[in-house]
Amino acid sequence: MSPTILTVQPLTKAAFAPFGDVIEADPATMRLINGGTTERYHALGHPRALGEGAELVINLFRGQPRSLPYAIDMMERHPFGSQSFHPLQDRPWLVVVAADEAGRPGAPHVFRAGGRQGINYRANIWHHPLIALAEISDFLVVDRSGPGGNLEEYRYSELFLVPEIPL
């Protein structure tokens, strides 16, 4: 069986809304603080840590670059917490998500994120692990730490392919 070729779309708030938040400097949320010397872009994402003893923690992830075309053969989700990724370099990267279909991920949706765009997956959203492009990339990641299993993985029986795209 040949793979299903996925369409890569730009990351926008409207397109990503079913899966979580796009984190970027939005003039609509900006207010000046610190005597007018700092622009604050307020409440861009809504991280959550669910369950007794859970807390939000800040991590640094270093993503190895992936080559395109790239095969999507699995997804994961975190039932008890959101997970936010924000690049620390101005480099494009990919965000892959899927709607839940009776406890398993549906067909993947692929978004091309700019190097100044982060995302916050809501709790229990199917997504692919981090996909850095072109070179090693660091990401600030806010997610849940605490007792209980917070990772579910699913392997697709069919193959999906992210095609080459301009970086």
Protein backbone atom coordinates (compact mmCIF):
# COMPACT_ATOMS: atom_id res chain seq x y z
CA MET A 1 0.00 0.00 0.00
CA SER A 2 1.41 3.40 -0.93
CA PRO A 3 1.51 6.14 1.72
CA THR A 4 -1.05 8.91 1.98
CA ILE A 5 0.64 12.21 1.09
CA LEU A 6 -0.26 14.87 3.65
CA THR A 7 -0.83 18.55 2.91
CA VAL A 8 1.29 20.98 4.93
CA GLN A 9 -0.61 24.13 5.87
CA PRO A 10 0.59 27.29 7.60
CA LEU A 11 0.11 27.40 11.36
CA THR A 12 -2.70 29.84 12.16
CA LYS A 13 -4.80 30.31 15.28
CA ALA A 14 -8.01 29.47 13.43
CA ALA A 15 -6.71 26.28 11.83
CA PHE A 16 -5.06 25.04 15.05
CA ALA A 17 -7.94 25.97 17.40
CA PRO A 18 -9.41 22.43 17.64
CA PHE A 19 -6.08 21.20 19.05
CA GLY A 20 -4.87 24.04 21.26
CA ASP A 21 -3.27 27.47 21.19
CA VAL A 22 -0.83 29.18 18.83
CA ILE A 23 1.68 31.18 20.87
CA GLU A 24 2.97 34.25 19.07
CA ALA A 25 3.19 38.01 19.55
CA ASP A 26 -0.40 39.06 18.85
CA PRO A 27 -0.93 42.85 18.86
CA ALA A 28 -4.49 42.30 20.13
CA THR A 29 -3.11 40.94 23.42
CA MET A 30 -0.28 43.46 23.89
CA ARG A 31 -0.07 45.87 26.77
CA LEU A 32 2.83 47.96 28.01
CA ILE A 33 4.29 47.20 31.45
CA ASN A 34 7.36 48.20 33.46
CA GLY A 35 6.91 51.89 32.89
CA GLY A 36 6.31 51.44 29.17
CA THR A 37 9.63 49.66 28.53
CA THR A 38 8.22 46.17 27.96
CA GLU A 39 5.50 44.82 25.69
CA ARG A 40 3.53 42.02 27.35
CA TYR A 41 1.55 39.68 25.10
CA HIS A 42 -0.89 38.28 27.63
CA ALA A 43 -2.47 34.83 28.07
CA LEU A 44 -1.35 33.34 24.75
CA GLY A 45 -1.67 29.76 25.95
CA HIS A 46 -3.44 27.94 28.75
CA PRO A 47 -1.22 25.18 30.17
CA ARG A 48 -2.87 22.63 32.46
CA ALA A 49 -1.65 19.93 34.86
CA LEU A 50 -4.46 17.59 35.88
CA GLY A 51 -4.51 15.06 38.70
CA GLU A 52 -3.53 15.03 42.36
CA GLY A 53 0.10 15.99 42.94
CA ALA A 54 0.58 17.24 39.36
CA GLU A 55 2.40 20.46 38.56
CA LEU A 56 3.58 22.41 35.54
CA VAL A 57 7.31 22.29 34.83
CA ILE A 58 9.57 24.06 32.34
CA ASN A 59 11.89 21.91 30.21
CA LEU A 60 14.39 22.39 27.42
CA PHE A 61 14.05 19.97 24.48
CA ARG A 62 16.79 19.73 21.85
CA GLY A 63 15.26 18.40 18.63
CA GLN A 64 17.37 16.64 16.03
CA PRO A 65 16.48 17.73 12.48
CA ARG A 66 14.25 15.47 10.42
CA SER A 67 14.58 15.16 6.67
CA LEU A 68 11.66 15.58 4.30
CA PRO A 69 9.85 13.67 3.02
CA TYR A 70 9.11 12.29 6.49
CA ALA A 71 6.91 9.30 7.39
CA ILE A 72 4.28 9.69 10.12
CA ASP A 73 3.64 6.24 11.56
CA MET A 74 2.66 7.04 15.15
CA MET A 75 1.04 9.59 17.43
CA GLU A 76 1.01 10.21 21.17
CA ARG A 77 -1.13 12.07 23.67
CA HIS A 78 -0.97 13.18 27.29
CA PRO A 79 -4.34 12.65 29.02
CA PHE A 80 -3.49 14.57 32.20
CA GLY A 81 -1.80 17.70 30.94
CA SER A 82 -1.21 20.13 28.16
CA GLN A 83 2.17 20.45 26.47
CA SER A 84 3.58 23.71 25.11
CA PHE A 85 6.49 24.05 22.68
CA HIS A 86 8.20 27.33 21.82
CA PRO A 87 11.32 27.48 19.62
CA LEU A 88 14.35 29.29 21.00
CA GLN A 89 15.81 29.91 17.53
CA ASP A 90 14.08 31.46 14.54
CA ARG A 91 13.79 28.19 12.58
CA PRO A 92 10.74 26.59 10.97
CA TRP A 93 9.39 23.35 12.42
CA LEU A 94 6.42 21.06 11.93
CA VAL A 95 3.40 20.44 14.14
CA VAL A 96 1.41 17.26 13.47
CA VAL A 97 -1.93 16.63 15.20
CA ALA A 98 -5.00 14.44 14.79
CA ALA A 99 -8.56 14.41 16.07
CA ASP A 100 -9.58 11.58 18.35
CA GLU A 101 -11.69 8.90 16.67
CA ALA A 102 -13.05 6.48 19.27
CA GLY A 103 -9.83 6.42 21.30
CA ARG A 104 -7.37 6.48 18.43
CA PRO A 105 -5.99 9.27 16.25
CA GLY A 106 -7.64 10.07 12.94
CA ALA A 107 -5.71 11.21 9.88
CA PRO A 108 -2.86 13.60 10.69
CA HIS A 109 -2.97 17.35 10.03
CA VAL A 110 0.42 18.99 9.38
CA PHE A 111 1.22 22.63 10.13
CA ARG A 112 4.38 24.51 9.23
CA ALA A 113 5.28 26.71 12.18
CA GLY A 114 7.54 29.71 11.84
CA GLY A 115 10.50 30.11 14.16
CA ARG A 116 8.63 32.70 16.20
CA GLN A 117 5.52 30.56 16.69
CA GLY A 118 4.92 28.20 19.57
CA ILE A 119 1.99 25.94 20.32
CA ASN A 120 0.14 24.57 23.32
CA TYR A 121 -1.50 21.17 22.83
CA ARG A 122 -4.53 20.78 25.07
CA ALA A 123 -4.61 17.72 27.31
CA ASN A 124 -5.48 14.49 25.49
CA ILE A 125 -4.73 15.82 21.97
CA TRP A 126 -3.10 13.33 19.62
CA HIS A 127 0.17 14.71 18.23
CA HIS A 128 3.45 13.57 16.77
CA PRO A 129 6.66 14.07 18.76
CA LEU A 130 8.71 17.18 17.99
CA ILE A 131 9.77 17.64 14.34
CA ALA A 132 12.64 20.08 13.99
CA LEU A 133 13.75 20.92 10.45
CA ALA A 134 17.12 21.74 8.86
CA GLU A 135 19.28 21.86 12.02
CA ILE A 136 19.34 21.00 15.72
CA SER A 137 16.78 23.23 17.44
CA ASP A 138 16.06 24.04 21.08
CA PHE A 139 12.53 24.42 22.43
CA LEU A 140 11.19 25.68 25.73
CA VAL A 141 8.57 23.11 26.77
CA VAL A 142 5.98 23.53 29.52
CA ASP A 143 4.26 20.32 30.52
CA ARG A 144 2.95 18.22 33.38
CA SER A 145 5.03 16.43 35.96
CA GLY A 146 3.49 14.21 38.59
CA PRO A 147 2.24 10.76 39.49
CA GLY A 148 0.38 8.54 37.08
CA GLY A 149 0.95 7.59 33.47
CA ASN A 150 0.58 10.58 31.18
CA LEU A 151 1.60 9.09 27.85
CA GLU A 152 -0.41 7.04 25.37
CA GLU A 153 1.06 6.03 22.01
CA TYR A 154 -0.64 4.74 18.88
CA ARG A 155 0.96 3.14 15.81
CA TYR A 156 -0.89 3.63 12.53
CA SER A 157 -1.52 0.58 10.36
CA GLU A 158 -1.15 2.83 7.31
CA LEU A 159 1.67 5.19 6.43
CA PHE A 160 1.34 8.96 6.06
CA LEU A 161 4.03 11.02 4.34
CA VAL A 162 4.95 14.68 4.88
CA PRO A 163 6.27 15.87 1.48
CA GLU A 164 9.22 18.15 0.87
CA ILE A 165 8.34 21.80 1.45
CA PRO A 166 10.29 25.04 1.11
CA LEU A 167 11.95 25.98 4.37
